Every structure is written in structure tokens, then in C-alpha cells.
């Protein structure tokens, strides 16, 4: 298998649908950091200390592997939509188990639909970091691959850089709220954000 096949979601999906277990495994691996990023954006501070995004992603991959024969799409866009649907169900179950069972008297049950909408909002904010892809199908395929690359590059950043970008862009918080979460002044987090975005852009362009 060529290097391009190993990194392009649509090619991997085609081979996976044809029965290649290796390509299916590579396809799932491509989305690991992307899904972890979306999960982290949904978890409140106290829950982040108790829930591992990696565990939720692993459970999602196990279910995707079990149910892949039920997938009826043909494109990587359809595949990630299907994968995210599994992810939302698993994340909803985790929140129910770790928080709501202990606090049902003070919190309403988390709506599965509300969690799906929140995940969609995080995805849209993630996409907004990237340049406008245009409207052609080929540009949308390129955009899809850029999202995967963006998640991988974010995962490789120092922790404070990754956190400030996630809080500012994925969770959509204003700088004063970012400062409170990071326990820094608004001016300090602005400087960290500027350095983080410069580092991220440099990594995306190499």
C-alpha cells in the first residue's frame, strides 16, 4: 500500500469496504486525535479528571469494528458522521455514569440531542480555524483531510498551547473566561494564544 493510500480517508474507506482489515484499522487511527479533541471539548473540568477521552474513543472504535457491516455510506464524510454518532452515544453514557447518577437531585438528565448539537458546534469551531475550502467536492475532500491534520498537530503542541486553542476556538470562550480556566490574566492568555496559533500555523504549513 502506498503512503498516499495510508493517509487519505476515502482511499482507506474504499479498501476497508472491500474487506481490508488493515485499511480499516488505519482509517480508525486517522480519526483518533480528531475524536479525542471533540470529546475533550464536551467534558466539564471536574469530569475531565475522571474520564479519559482515549477510553471513549477506544470504545467507539470497538463498536465501529463490530458494526462496520451495517455502514451503508461510500465516502469518508459519511463515515465520520457515522463514527461521531457512535461517539455521541458513548459520551452520553459516560456522562450519565460519572455525573448524573450522583447528582440527579441537582441536575437534569443530559439530552442526547443536546450533546449531539454541542459536538456539532465544536466541529464547526474546529473547521473555522482552517481557510475557507470553497464549494467544489475536491475542496471539501481536502478540507476533511485538513481537519484530521489539524487535530494531529494540536495533539502535538505543548499542553498550555493546546489548552488555550481548545478553550478559545473549540469551546468558543472569550479571553477573560479562558484566563479564569487557565488561572492566568487575560493579557497573559492572549500572549500564550498568539504564540500557540503561530506554532500551529507553522506546523500546518510544513
N, C-alpha and C. Protein backbone atom coordinates (compact mmCIF):
# COMPACT_ATOMS: atom_id res chain seq x y z
N UNK A 1 0.84 -1.19 0.00
CA UNK A 1 0.00 0.00 0.00
C UNK A 1 0.87 1.24 0.00
N UNK A 2 0.55 2.21 -0.84
CA UNK A 2 1.36 3.42 -0.95
C UNK A 2 1.14 4.32 0.24
N UNK A 3 2.07 5.30 0.41
CA UNK A 3 1.93 6.24 1.52
C UNK A 3 0.68 7.09 1.36
N UNK A 4 0.32 7.48 0.11
CA UNK A 4 -0.86 8.30 -0.08
C UNK A 4 -2.12 7.53 0.31
N UNK A 5 -2.15 6.22 -0.03
CA UNK A 5 -3.29 5.41 0.36
C UNK A 5 -3.41 5.33 1.88
N UNK A 6 -2.25 5.31 2.55
CA UNK A 6 -2.25 5.17 4.00
C UNK A 6 -2.73 6.42 4.71
N UNK A 7 -2.83 7.56 4.03
CA UNK A 7 -3.19 8.79 4.70
C UNK A 7 -4.47 9.42 4.16
N UNK A 8 -5.07 8.91 3.09
CA UNK A 8 -6.26 9.50 2.52
C UNK A 8 -7.49 8.71 2.94
N UNK A 9 -8.42 9.37 3.65
CA UNK A 9 -9.57 8.65 4.22
C UNK A 9 -10.42 7.93 3.18
N UNK A 10 -10.72 8.57 2.04
CA UNK A 10 -11.60 7.94 1.06
C UNK A 10 -10.97 6.67 0.48
N UNK A 11 -9.67 6.71 0.22
CA UNK A 11 -9.00 5.52 -0.30
C UNK A 11 -8.99 4.39 0.72
N UNK A 12 -8.72 4.76 1.97
CA UNK A 12 -8.74 3.74 3.02
C UNK A 12 -10.13 3.15 3.19
N UNK A 13 -11.16 4.01 3.12
CA UNK A 13 -12.52 3.52 3.28
C UNK A 13 -12.89 2.56 2.15
N UNK A 14 -12.50 2.90 0.93
CA UNK A 14 -12.79 2.01 -0.21
C UNK A 14 -12.18 0.64 0.00
N UNK A 15 -10.92 0.62 0.46
CA UNK A 15 -10.26 -0.65 0.71
C UNK A 15 -10.90 -1.40 1.89
N UNK A 16 -11.32 -0.64 2.91
CA UNK A 16 -11.96 -1.26 4.07
C UNK A 16 -13.30 -1.90 3.67
N UNK A 17 -14.05 -1.19 2.84
CA UNK A 17 -15.32 -1.73 2.37
C UNK A 17 -15.12 -2.98 1.51
N UNK A 18 -13.95 -3.06 0.88
CA UNK A 18 -13.62 -4.24 0.07
C UNK A 18 -13.13 -5.40 0.93
N UNK A 19 -13.01 -5.17 2.23
CA UNK A 19 -12.65 -6.26 3.13
C UNK A 19 -11.28 -6.17 3.77
N UNK A 20 -10.54 -5.07 3.55
CA UNK A 20 -9.20 -4.96 4.12
C UNK A 20 -9.28 -4.56 5.59
N UNK A 21 -8.90 -5.45 6.47
CA UNK A 21 -8.87 -5.15 7.90
C UNK A 21 -7.77 -4.15 8.22
N UNK A 22 -6.64 -4.27 7.51
CA UNK A 22 -5.54 -3.34 7.74
C UNK A 22 -5.97 -1.91 7.44
N UNK A 23 -6.66 -1.71 6.31
CA UNK A 23 -7.09 -0.37 5.93
C UNK A 23 -8.14 0.17 6.90
N UNK A 24 -9.00 -0.72 7.39
CA UNK A 24 -10.00 -0.27 8.36
C UNK A 24 -9.31 0.20 9.64
N UNK A 25 -8.31 -0.52 10.08
CA UNK A 25 -7.55 -0.11 11.27
C UNK A 25 -6.85 1.21 11.05
N UNK A 26 -6.26 1.39 9.87
CA UNK A 26 -5.59 2.66 9.56
C UNK A 26 -6.59 3.81 9.49
N UNK A 27 -7.77 3.53 8.96
CA UNK A 27 -8.81 4.55 8.86
C UNK A 27 -9.23 5.02 10.25
N UNK A 28 -9.46 4.10 11.15
CA UNK A 28 -9.83 4.48 12.51
C UNK A 28 -8.71 5.28 13.17
N UNK A 29 -7.46 4.84 12.97
CA UNK A 29 -6.33 5.54 13.58
C UNK A 29 -6.25 6.99 13.12
N UNK A 30 -6.61 7.25 11.87
CA UNK A 30 -6.58 8.63 11.36
C UNK A 30 -7.45 9.55 12.20
N UNK A 31 -8.56 9.02 12.71
CA UNK A 31 -9.55 9.85 13.40
C UNK A 31 -9.34 9.91 14.91
N UNK A 32 -8.32 9.23 15.42
CA UNK A 32 -8.16 9.13 16.87
C UNK A 32 -8.03 10.52 17.53
N UNK A 33 -7.09 11.33 17.09
CA UNK A 33 -6.89 12.64 17.71
C UNK A 33 -8.06 13.57 17.45
N UNK A 34 -8.67 13.45 16.28
CA UNK A 34 -9.84 14.26 15.94
C UNK A 34 -10.98 14.00 16.93
N UNK A 35 -11.26 12.74 17.19
CA UNK A 35 -12.34 12.39 18.11
C UNK A 35 -11.99 12.74 19.55
N UNK A 36 -10.74 12.54 19.94
CA UNK A 36 -10.32 12.90 21.30
C UNK A 36 -10.51 14.39 21.53
N UNK A 37 -10.20 15.19 20.52
CA UNK A 37 -10.35 16.64 20.62
C UNK A 37 -11.81 17.02 20.84
N UNK A 38 -12.71 16.41 20.08
CA UNK A 38 -14.13 16.71 20.21
C UNK A 38 -14.65 16.27 21.58
N UNK A 39 -14.19 15.13 22.07
CA UNK A 39 -14.63 14.67 23.39
C UNK A 39 -14.18 15.63 24.47
N UNK A 40 -12.91 16.01 24.45
CA UNK A 40 -12.38 16.91 25.48
C UNK A 40 -13.16 18.21 25.55
N UNK A 41 -13.64 18.68 24.40
CA UNK A 41 -14.40 19.94 24.37
C UNK A 41 -15.76 19.80 25.04
N UNK A 42 -16.25 18.58 25.20
CA UNK A 42 -17.57 18.36 25.79
C UNK A 42 -17.53 18.12 27.29
N UNK A 43 -16.35 17.86 27.84
CA UNK A 43 -16.24 17.47 29.24
C UNK A 43 -15.98 18.67 30.13
N UNK A 44 -16.77 18.81 31.17
CA UNK A 44 -16.52 19.84 32.16
C UNK A 44 -15.23 19.55 32.91
N UNK A 45 -14.69 20.60 33.56
CA UNK A 45 -13.39 20.46 34.23
C UNK A 45 -13.34 19.26 35.17
N UNK A 46 -14.34 19.13 36.05
CA UNK A 46 -14.29 18.04 37.03
C UNK A 46 -14.41 16.68 36.36
N UNK A 47 -15.12 16.62 35.25
CA UNK A 47 -15.29 15.34 34.56
C UNK A 47 -14.02 14.96 33.80
N UNK A 48 -13.26 15.96 33.35
CA UNK A 48 -12.02 15.68 32.63
C UNK A 48 -11.01 14.93 33.50
N UNK A 49 -11.11 15.12 34.81
CA UNK A 49 -10.19 14.44 35.72
C UNK A 49 -10.60 12.99 35.96
N UNK A 50 -11.81 12.63 35.53
CA UNK A 50 -12.32 11.29 35.81
C UNK A 50 -12.56 10.46 34.55
N UNK A 51 -12.64 11.14 33.41
CA UNK A 51 -12.95 10.44 32.16
C UNK A 51 -11.80 10.61 31.18
N UNK A 52 -11.34 9.54 30.63
CA UNK A 52 -10.27 9.59 29.64
C UNK A 52 -10.87 9.61 28.24
N UNK A 53 -10.61 10.70 27.46
CA UNK A 53 -11.07 10.72 26.07
C UNK A 53 -10.58 9.51 25.28
N UNK A 54 -9.37 9.05 25.60
CA UNK A 54 -8.84 7.88 24.90
C UNK A 54 -9.71 6.64 25.12
N UNK A 55 -10.23 6.49 26.34
CA UNK A 55 -11.09 5.34 26.63
C UNK A 55 -12.40 5.42 25.84
N UNK A 56 -12.95 6.63 25.75
CA UNK A 56 -14.20 6.80 25.00
C UNK A 56 -13.97 6.52 23.52
N UNK A 57 -12.84 7.00 22.99
CA UNK A 57 -12.51 6.75 21.59
C UNK A 57 -12.31 5.25 21.35
N UNK A 58 -11.62 4.57 22.27
CA UNK A 58 -11.37 3.14 22.11
C UNK A 58 -12.68 2.36 22.09
N UNK A 59 -13.61 2.72 22.97
CA UNK A 59 -14.91 2.07 22.99
C UNK A 59 -15.66 2.32 21.68
N UNK A 60 -15.54 3.53 21.17
CA UNK A 60 -16.17 3.87 19.89
C UNK A 60 -15.59 3.05 18.76
N UNK A 61 -14.28 2.88 18.76
CA UNK A 61 -13.63 2.09 17.71
C UNK A 61 -14.06 0.61 17.80
N UNK A 62 -14.18 0.08 19.02
CA UNK A 62 -14.60 -1.30 19.17
C UNK A 62 -16.01 -1.51 18.62
N UNK A 63 -16.90 -0.54 18.89
CA UNK A 63 -18.26 -0.66 18.38
C UNK A 63 -18.30 -0.47 16.87
N UNK A 64 -17.46 0.44 16.35
CA UNK A 64 -17.40 0.63 14.91
C UNK A 64 -16.91 -0.63 14.21
N UNK A 65 -15.94 -1.28 14.81
CA UNK A 65 -15.42 -2.53 14.26
C UNK A 65 -16.51 -3.61 14.27
N UNK A 66 -17.24 -3.67 15.34
CA UNK A 66 -18.31 -4.67 15.47
C UNK A 66 -19.44 -4.43 14.46
N UNK A 67 -19.76 -3.17 14.21
CA UNK A 67 -20.94 -2.84 13.41
C UNK A 67 -20.62 -2.34 12.00
N UNK A 68 -19.37 -2.47 11.58
CA UNK A 68 -18.98 -1.88 10.29
C UNK A 68 -19.79 -2.43 9.11
N UNK A 69 -20.23 -3.66 9.20
CA UNK A 69 -21.03 -4.24 8.12
C UNK A 69 -22.36 -3.52 7.95
N UNK A 70 -22.79 -2.79 8.98
CA UNK A 70 -24.05 -2.06 8.90
C UNK A 70 -23.88 -0.67 8.26
N UNK A 71 -22.64 -0.24 8.08
CA UNK A 71 -22.37 1.07 7.47
C UNK A 71 -22.74 1.02 6.00
N UNK A 72 -23.53 1.99 5.53
CA UNK A 72 -24.02 1.98 4.17
C UNK A 72 -23.48 3.14 3.33
N UNK A 73 -22.58 3.93 3.88
CA UNK A 73 -22.03 5.06 3.13
C UNK A 73 -20.91 4.64 2.20
N UNK A 74 -20.43 5.62 1.40
CA UNK A 74 -19.35 5.36 0.46
C UNK A 74 -18.20 6.36 0.60
N UNK A 75 -18.41 7.44 1.34
CA UNK A 75 -17.40 8.49 1.45
C UNK A 75 -16.91 8.61 2.88
N UNK A 76 -15.73 9.22 3.03
CA UNK A 76 -15.19 9.43 4.38
C UNK A 76 -16.04 10.40 5.18
N UNK A 77 -16.71 11.34 4.49
CA UNK A 77 -17.62 12.25 5.18
C UNK A 77 -18.77 11.50 5.82
N UNK A 78 -19.33 10.53 5.10
CA UNK A 78 -20.40 9.71 5.65
C UNK A 78 -19.88 8.82 6.78
N UNK A 79 -18.64 8.38 6.63
CA UNK A 79 -18.06 7.51 7.66
C UNK A 79 -17.87 8.26 8.96
N UNK A 80 -17.33 9.49 8.89
CA UNK A 80 -17.09 10.22 10.13
C UNK A 80 -18.40 10.63 10.78
N UNK A 81 -19.45 10.89 9.98
CA UNK A 81 -20.76 11.16 10.55
C UNK A 81 -21.27 9.95 11.32
N UNK A 82 -21.10 8.77 10.74
CA UNK A 82 -21.50 7.52 11.39
C UNK A 82 -20.68 7.29 12.66
N UNK A 83 -19.37 7.55 12.57
CA UNK A 83 -18.49 7.35 13.71
C UNK A 83 -18.83 8.31 14.84
N UNK A 84 -19.14 9.54 14.49
CA UNK A 84 -19.48 10.53 15.51
C UNK A 84 -20.80 10.18 16.20
N UNK A 85 -21.72 9.57 15.47
CA UNK A 85 -22.98 9.16 16.08
C UNK A 85 -22.73 8.11 17.17
N UNK A 86 -21.83 7.17 16.89
CA UNK A 86 -21.45 6.18 17.90
C UNK A 86 -20.77 6.88 19.08
N UNK A 87 -19.90 7.84 18.76
CA UNK A 87 -19.18 8.57 19.80
C UNK A 87 -20.13 9.31 20.73
N UNK A 88 -21.13 9.98 20.18
CA UNK A 88 -22.08 10.73 20.99
C UNK A 88 -22.79 9.81 21.97
N UNK A 89 -23.21 8.64 21.49
CA UNK A 89 -23.88 7.70 22.38
C UNK A 89 -22.98 7.24 23.51
N UNK A 90 -21.71 6.97 23.20
CA UNK A 90 -20.78 6.55 24.24
C UNK A 90 -20.48 7.68 25.23
N UNK A 91 -20.31 8.89 24.72
CA UNK A 91 -20.03 10.03 25.58
C UNK A 91 -21.22 10.32 26.48
N UNK A 92 -22.41 10.21 25.94
CA UNK A 92 -23.62 10.42 26.73
C UNK A 92 -23.69 9.41 27.87
N UNK A 93 -23.35 8.16 27.58
CA UNK A 93 -23.38 7.13 28.61
C UNK A 93 -22.34 7.41 29.70
N UNK A 94 -21.17 7.89 29.30
CA UNK A 94 -20.12 8.21 30.28
C UNK A 94 -20.57 9.33 31.21
N UNK A 95 -21.15 10.37 30.64
CA UNK A 95 -21.62 11.49 31.47
C UNK A 95 -22.71 11.01 32.44
N UNK A 96 -23.62 10.18 31.93
CA UNK A 96 -24.66 9.63 32.80
C UNK A 96 -24.04 8.84 33.96
N UNK A 97 -23.07 8.02 33.66
CA UNK A 97 -22.47 7.16 34.68
C UNK A 97 -21.66 7.92 35.71
N UNK A 98 -20.88 8.91 35.26
CA UNK A 98 -19.92 9.56 36.16
C UNK A 98 -20.47 10.78 36.89
N UNK A 99 -21.52 11.39 36.35
CA UNK A 99 -22.02 12.62 36.97
C UNK A 99 -23.47 12.50 37.40
N UNK A 100 -24.32 12.15 36.48
CA UNK A 100 -25.74 12.26 36.75
C UNK A 100 -26.22 11.25 37.78
N UNK A 101 -25.60 10.08 37.85
CA UNK A 101 -26.03 9.11 38.84
C UNK A 101 -25.77 9.60 40.26
N UNK A 102 -24.82 10.53 40.41
CA UNK A 102 -24.50 11.07 41.73
C UNK A 102 -25.25 12.37 42.02
N UNK A 103 -25.76 13.04 40.98
CA UNK A 103 -26.31 14.38 41.19
C UNK A 103 -27.68 14.53 40.56
N UNK A 104 -28.46 13.49 40.51
CA UNK A 104 -29.76 13.59 39.87
C UNK A 104 -30.68 14.58 40.60
N UNK A 105 -30.40 14.83 41.85
CA UNK A 105 -31.24 15.75 42.60
C UNK A 105 -30.98 17.19 42.24
N UNK A 106 -29.82 17.49 41.65
CA UNK A 106 -29.49 18.88 41.36
C UNK A 106 -29.27 19.14 39.88
N UNK A 107 -29.27 18.08 39.06
CA UNK A 107 -29.05 18.26 37.63
C UNK A 107 -30.05 17.45 36.85
N UNK A 108 -30.53 18.00 35.75
CA UNK A 108 -31.40 17.25 34.87
C UNK A 108 -30.57 16.27 34.04
N UNK A 109 -31.23 15.29 33.51
CA UNK A 109 -30.53 14.38 32.62
C UNK A 109 -30.03 15.14 31.39
N UNK A 110 -28.85 14.76 30.95
CA UNK A 110 -28.28 15.37 29.76
C UNK A 110 -28.99 14.81 28.54
N UNK A 111 -29.52 15.68 27.70
CA UNK A 111 -30.20 15.25 26.49
C UNK A 111 -29.18 14.75 25.47
N UNK A 112 -29.46 13.60 24.88
CA UNK A 112 -28.60 13.07 23.83
C UNK A 112 -28.56 14.02 22.64
N UNK A 113 -29.70 14.61 22.31
CA UNK A 113 -29.77 15.55 21.20
C UNK A 113 -28.95 16.81 21.49
N UNK A 114 -29.02 17.29 22.75
CA UNK A 114 -28.25 18.47 23.12
C UNK A 114 -26.75 18.20 23.03
N UNK A 115 -26.34 16.99 23.43
CA UNK A 115 -24.93 16.63 23.35
C UNK A 115 -24.48 16.56 21.88
N UNK A 116 -25.34 16.02 21.03
CA UNK A 116 -25.02 15.96 19.59
C UNK A 116 -24.87 17.35 19.01
N UNK A 117 -25.77 18.27 19.42
CA UNK A 117 -25.67 19.65 18.93
C UNK A 117 -24.39 20.32 19.42
N UNK A 118 -24.03 20.05 20.67
CA UNK A 118 -22.81 20.63 21.21
C UNK A 118 -21.58 20.11 20.47
N UNK A 119 -21.59 18.82 20.12
CA UNK A 119 -20.49 18.24 19.37
C UNK A 119 -20.41 18.87 17.98
N UNK A 120 -21.57 19.11 17.37
CA UNK A 120 -21.60 19.77 16.06
C UNK A 120 -21.01 21.18 16.14
N UNK A 121 -21.33 21.89 17.23
CA UNK A 121 -20.78 23.24 17.40
C UNK A 121 -19.27 23.20 17.54
N UNK A 122 -18.76 22.23 18.29
CA UNK A 122 -17.31 22.10 18.44
C UNK A 122 -16.66 21.78 17.10
N UNK A 123 -17.31 20.95 16.29
CA UNK A 123 -16.79 20.62 14.97
C UNK A 123 -16.73 21.86 14.09
N UNK A 124 -17.80 22.66 14.13
CA UNK A 124 -17.85 23.88 13.32
C UNK A 124 -16.75 24.86 13.74
N UNK A 125 -16.51 24.97 15.04
CA UNK A 125 -15.44 25.86 15.51
C UNK A 125 -14.07 25.35 15.09
N UNK A 126 -13.90 24.03 15.11
CA UNK A 126 -12.65 23.44 14.66
C UNK A 126 -12.43 23.75 13.19
N UNK A 127 -13.48 23.61 12.38
CA UNK A 127 -13.38 23.89 10.95
C UNK A 127 -13.06 25.35 10.69
N UNK A 128 -13.56 26.24 11.57
CA UNK A 128 -13.37 27.67 11.36
C UNK A 128 -11.91 28.09 11.47
N UNK A 129 -11.07 27.27 12.11
CA UNK A 129 -9.65 27.59 12.20
C UNK A 129 -8.99 27.49 10.83
N UNK A 130 -9.54 26.64 9.98
CA UNK A 130 -8.97 26.39 8.66
C UNK A 130 -9.46 27.41 7.65
N UNK A 131 -8.72 27.63 6.55
CA UNK A 131 -9.17 28.54 5.50
C UNK A 131 -10.46 28.03 4.86
N UNK A 132 -11.22 28.95 4.24
CA UNK A 132 -12.44 28.59 3.53
C UNK A 132 -12.08 27.63 2.39
N UNK A 133 -12.73 26.45 2.33
CA UNK A 133 -12.34 25.46 1.33
C UNK A 133 -12.95 25.68 -0.04
N UNK A 134 -13.90 26.63 -0.15
CA UNK A 134 -14.60 26.76 -1.42
C UNK A 134 -15.76 25.78 -1.47
N UNK A 135 -16.35 25.61 -2.65
CA UNK A 135 -17.56 24.81 -2.76
C UNK A 135 -17.41 23.54 -3.59
N UNK A 136 -16.27 23.35 -4.23
CA UNK A 136 -16.12 22.17 -5.08
C UNK A 136 -15.97 20.91 -4.23
N UNK A 137 -16.42 19.75 -4.75
CA UNK A 137 -16.27 18.49 -3.99
C UNK A 137 -14.82 18.19 -3.63
N UNK A 138 -13.89 18.49 -4.54
CA UNK A 138 -12.48 18.19 -4.26
C UNK A 138 -11.96 19.05 -3.11
N UNK A 139 -12.44 20.29 -3.02
CA UNK A 139 -12.02 21.16 -1.92
C UNK A 139 -12.57 20.68 -0.60
N UNK A 140 -13.77 20.11 -0.61
CA UNK A 140 -14.34 19.58 0.63
C UNK A 140 -13.59 18.34 1.09
N UNK A 141 -13.13 17.52 0.14
CA UNK A 141 -12.31 16.36 0.50
C UNK A 141 -11.00 16.84 1.13
N UNK A 142 -10.40 17.87 0.52
CA UNK A 142 -9.16 18.42 1.06
C UNK A 142 -9.40 18.99 2.46
N UNK A 143 -10.54 19.65 2.65
CA UNK A 143 -10.89 20.21 3.96
C UNK A 143 -10.98 19.09 5.00
N UNK A 144 -11.59 18.00 4.63
CA UNK A 144 -11.75 16.87 5.53
C UNK A 144 -10.38 16.36 5.98
N UNK A 145 -9.45 16.25 5.05
CA UNK A 145 -8.10 15.79 5.39
C UNK A 145 -7.37 16.82 6.25
N UNK A 146 -7.63 18.12 6.00
CA UNK A 146 -7.01 19.17 6.81
C UNK A 146 -7.49 19.11 8.26
N UNK A 147 -8.76 18.77 8.47
CA UNK A 147 -9.29 18.66 9.83
C UNK A 147 -8.56 17.57 10.61
N UNK A 148 -8.30 16.46 9.94
CA UNK A 148 -7.55 15.38 10.58
C UNK A 148 -6.14 15.86 10.93
N UNK A 149 -5.50 16.54 9.97
CA UNK A 149 -4.15 17.05 10.20
C UNK A 149 -4.14 18.06 11.35
N UNK A 150 -5.16 18.93 11.39
CA UNK A 150 -5.25 19.94 12.44
C UNK A 150 -5.33 19.27 13.81
N UNK A 151 -6.16 18.26 13.94
CA UNK A 151 -6.29 17.57 15.22
C UNK A 151 -4.97 16.90 15.62
N UNK A 152 -4.28 16.32 14.66
CA UNK A 152 -2.98 15.69 14.94
C UNK A 152 -1.95 16.73 15.39
N UNK A 153 -1.93 17.88 14.73
CA UNK A 153 -0.97 18.92 15.09
C UNK A 153 -1.30 19.53 16.45
N UNK A 154 -2.57 19.70 16.75
CA UNK A 154 -2.96 20.19 18.07
C UNK A 154 -2.50 19.23 19.17
N UNK A 155 -2.64 17.94 18.91
CA UNK A 155 -2.22 16.94 19.90
C UNK A 155 -0.73 16.98 20.17
N UNK A 156 0.04 17.47 19.19
CA UNK A 156 1.50 17.51 19.32
C UNK A 156 2.01 18.80 19.97
N UNK A 157 1.11 19.77 20.20
CA UNK A 157 1.53 21.04 20.81
C UNK A 157 1.78 20.88 22.30
N UNK A 158 2.59 21.78 22.90
CA UNK A 158 2.71 21.80 24.36
C UNK A 158 1.34 21.96 25.01
N UNK A 159 1.19 21.46 26.23
CA UNK A 159 -0.12 21.40 26.88
C UNK A 159 -0.80 22.76 26.98
N UNK A 160 -0.05 23.82 27.37
CA UNK A 160 -0.69 25.12 27.53
C UNK A 160 -1.11 25.70 26.18
N UNK A 161 -0.35 25.45 25.12
CA UNK A 161 -0.74 25.90 23.78
C UNK A 161 -2.02 25.19 23.34
N UNK A 162 -2.04 23.88 23.54
CA UNK A 162 -3.23 23.11 23.14
C UNK A 162 -4.45 23.56 23.93
N UNK A 163 -4.27 23.80 25.23
CA UNK A 163 -5.40 24.19 26.07
C UNK A 163 -5.97 25.54 25.66
N UNK A 164 -5.11 26.52 25.39
CA UNK A 164 -5.61 27.85 25.07
C UNK A 164 -6.34 27.84 23.73
N UNK A 165 -5.87 27.05 22.76
CA UNK A 165 -6.56 26.96 21.47
C UNK A 165 -7.90 26.26 21.63
N UNK A 166 -7.92 25.20 22.43
CA UNK A 166 -9.18 24.49 22.63
C UNK A 166 -10.21 25.37 23.34
N UNK A 167 -9.79 26.07 24.39
CA UNK A 167 -10.72 26.91 25.12
C UNK A 167 -11.23 28.07 24.26
N UNK A 168 -10.32 28.66 23.50
CA UNK A 168 -10.68 29.82 22.70
C UNK A 168 -11.47 29.43 21.44
N UNK A 169 -11.02 28.40 20.74
CA UNK A 169 -11.60 28.09 19.43
C UNK A 169 -12.58 26.93 19.44
N UNK A 170 -12.30 25.89 20.22
CA UNK A 170 -13.19 24.73 20.20
C UNK A 170 -14.37 24.93 21.15
N UNK A 171 -14.10 25.47 22.35
CA UNK A 171 -15.18 25.76 23.29
C UNK A 171 -15.77 27.14 23.07
N UNK A 172 -15.07 28.00 22.34
CA UNK A 172 -15.60 29.31 21.98
C UNK A 172 -15.66 30.31 23.13
N UNK A 173 -14.74 30.21 24.09
CA UNK A 173 -14.75 31.09 25.25
C UNK A 173 -14.06 32.42 24.96
N UNK A 174 -14.54 33.53 25.55
CA UNK A 174 -13.81 34.80 25.45
C UNK A 174 -12.52 34.73 26.25
N UNK A 175 -11.59 35.67 25.99
CA UNK A 175 -10.28 35.60 26.62
C UNK A 175 -10.34 35.71 28.14
N UNK A 176 -11.29 36.48 28.68
CA UNK A 176 -11.35 36.59 30.14
C UNK A 176 -11.75 35.26 30.77
N UNK A 177 -12.65 34.52 30.10
CA UNK A 177 -13.05 33.21 30.60
C UNK A 177 -11.92 32.19 30.44
N UNK A 178 -11.17 32.32 29.34
CA UNK A 178 -10.00 31.45 29.14
C UNK A 178 -9.00 31.68 30.26
N UNK A 179 -8.79 32.96 30.61
CA UNK A 179 -7.86 33.29 31.68
C UNK A 179 -8.26 32.66 33.01
N UNK A 180 -9.56 32.68 33.32
CA UNK A 180 -10.03 32.08 34.57
C UNK A 180 -9.80 30.57 34.57
N UNK A 181 -10.07 29.94 33.43
CA UNK A 181 -9.88 28.49 33.36
C UNK A 181 -8.41 28.11 33.47
N UNK A 182 -7.53 28.94 32.91
CA UNK A 182 -6.10 28.63 32.94
C UNK A 182 -5.39 29.28 34.12
N UNK A 183 -6.16 30.02 34.92
CA UNK A 183 -5.63 30.70 36.11
C UNK A 183 -4.50 31.66 35.73
N UNK A 184 -4.76 32.44 34.69
CA UNK A 184 -3.83 33.47 34.23
C UNK A 184 -4.61 34.73 33.92
N UNK A 185 -3.89 35.84 33.82
CA UNK A 185 -4.54 37.09 33.45
C UNK A 185 -4.98 37.05 31.99
N UNK A 186 -5.93 37.93 31.65
CA UNK A 186 -6.40 37.99 30.26
C UNK A 186 -5.25 38.32 29.32
N UNK A 187 -4.39 39.26 29.72
CA UNK A 187 -3.26 39.62 28.89
C UNK A 187 -2.30 38.46 28.69
N UNK A 188 -2.09 37.68 29.75
CA UNK A 188 -1.16 36.55 29.66
C UNK A 188 -1.69 35.48 28.71
N UNK A 189 -2.99 35.19 28.79
CA UNK A 189 -3.52 34.14 27.91
C UNK A 189 -3.55 34.61 26.46
N UNK A 190 -3.71 35.93 26.25
CA UNK A 190 -3.64 36.44 24.88
C UNK A 190 -2.25 36.19 24.28
N UNK A 191 -1.22 36.39 25.09
CA UNK A 191 0.14 36.16 24.60
C UNK A 191 0.38 34.67 24.33
N UNK A 192 -0.11 33.83 25.24
CA UNK A 192 0.02 32.38 25.03
C UNK A 192 -0.73 31.97 23.76
N UNK A 193 -1.92 32.54 23.57
CA UNK A 193 -2.72 32.22 22.38
C UNK A 193 -2.00 32.62 21.10
N UNK A 194 -1.41 33.81 21.09
CA UNK A 194 -0.69 34.27 19.90
C UNK A 194 0.47 33.33 19.56
N UNK A 195 1.22 32.94 20.58
CA UNK A 195 2.34 32.02 20.35
C UNK A 195 1.84 30.65 19.90
N UNK A 196 0.73 30.21 20.51
CA UNK A 196 0.18 28.90 20.16
C UNK A 196 -0.32 28.87 18.73
N UNK A 197 -1.00 29.93 18.29
CA UNK A 197 -1.52 29.96 16.93
C UNK A 197 -0.38 30.05 15.91
N UNK A 198 0.67 30.78 16.25
CA UNK A 198 1.82 30.86 15.36
C UNK A 198 2.47 29.48 15.22
N UNK A 199 2.63 28.78 16.35
CA UNK A 199 3.23 27.44 16.31
C UNK A 199 2.35 26.49 15.50
N UNK A 200 1.04 26.57 15.70
CA UNK A 200 0.12 25.69 14.98
C UNK A 200 0.16 25.95 13.49
N UNK A 201 0.15 27.21 13.08
CA UNK A 201 0.20 27.54 11.65
C UNK A 201 1.50 27.07 11.03
N UNK A 202 2.58 27.22 11.76
CA UNK A 202 3.88 26.76 11.24
C UNK A 202 3.86 25.24 11.03
N UNK A 203 3.27 24.52 11.99
CA UNK A 203 3.21 23.06 11.87
C UNK A 203 2.30 22.64 10.73
N UNK A 204 1.21 23.38 10.53
CA UNK A 204 0.28 23.04 9.46
C UNK A 204 0.88 23.30 8.09
N UNK A 205 1.83 24.23 8.00
CA UNK A 205 2.41 24.60 6.71
C UNK A 205 3.68 23.83 6.35
N UNK A 206 4.14 22.97 7.27
CA UNK A 206 5.36 22.21 6.98
C UNK A 206 5.02 20.90 6.30
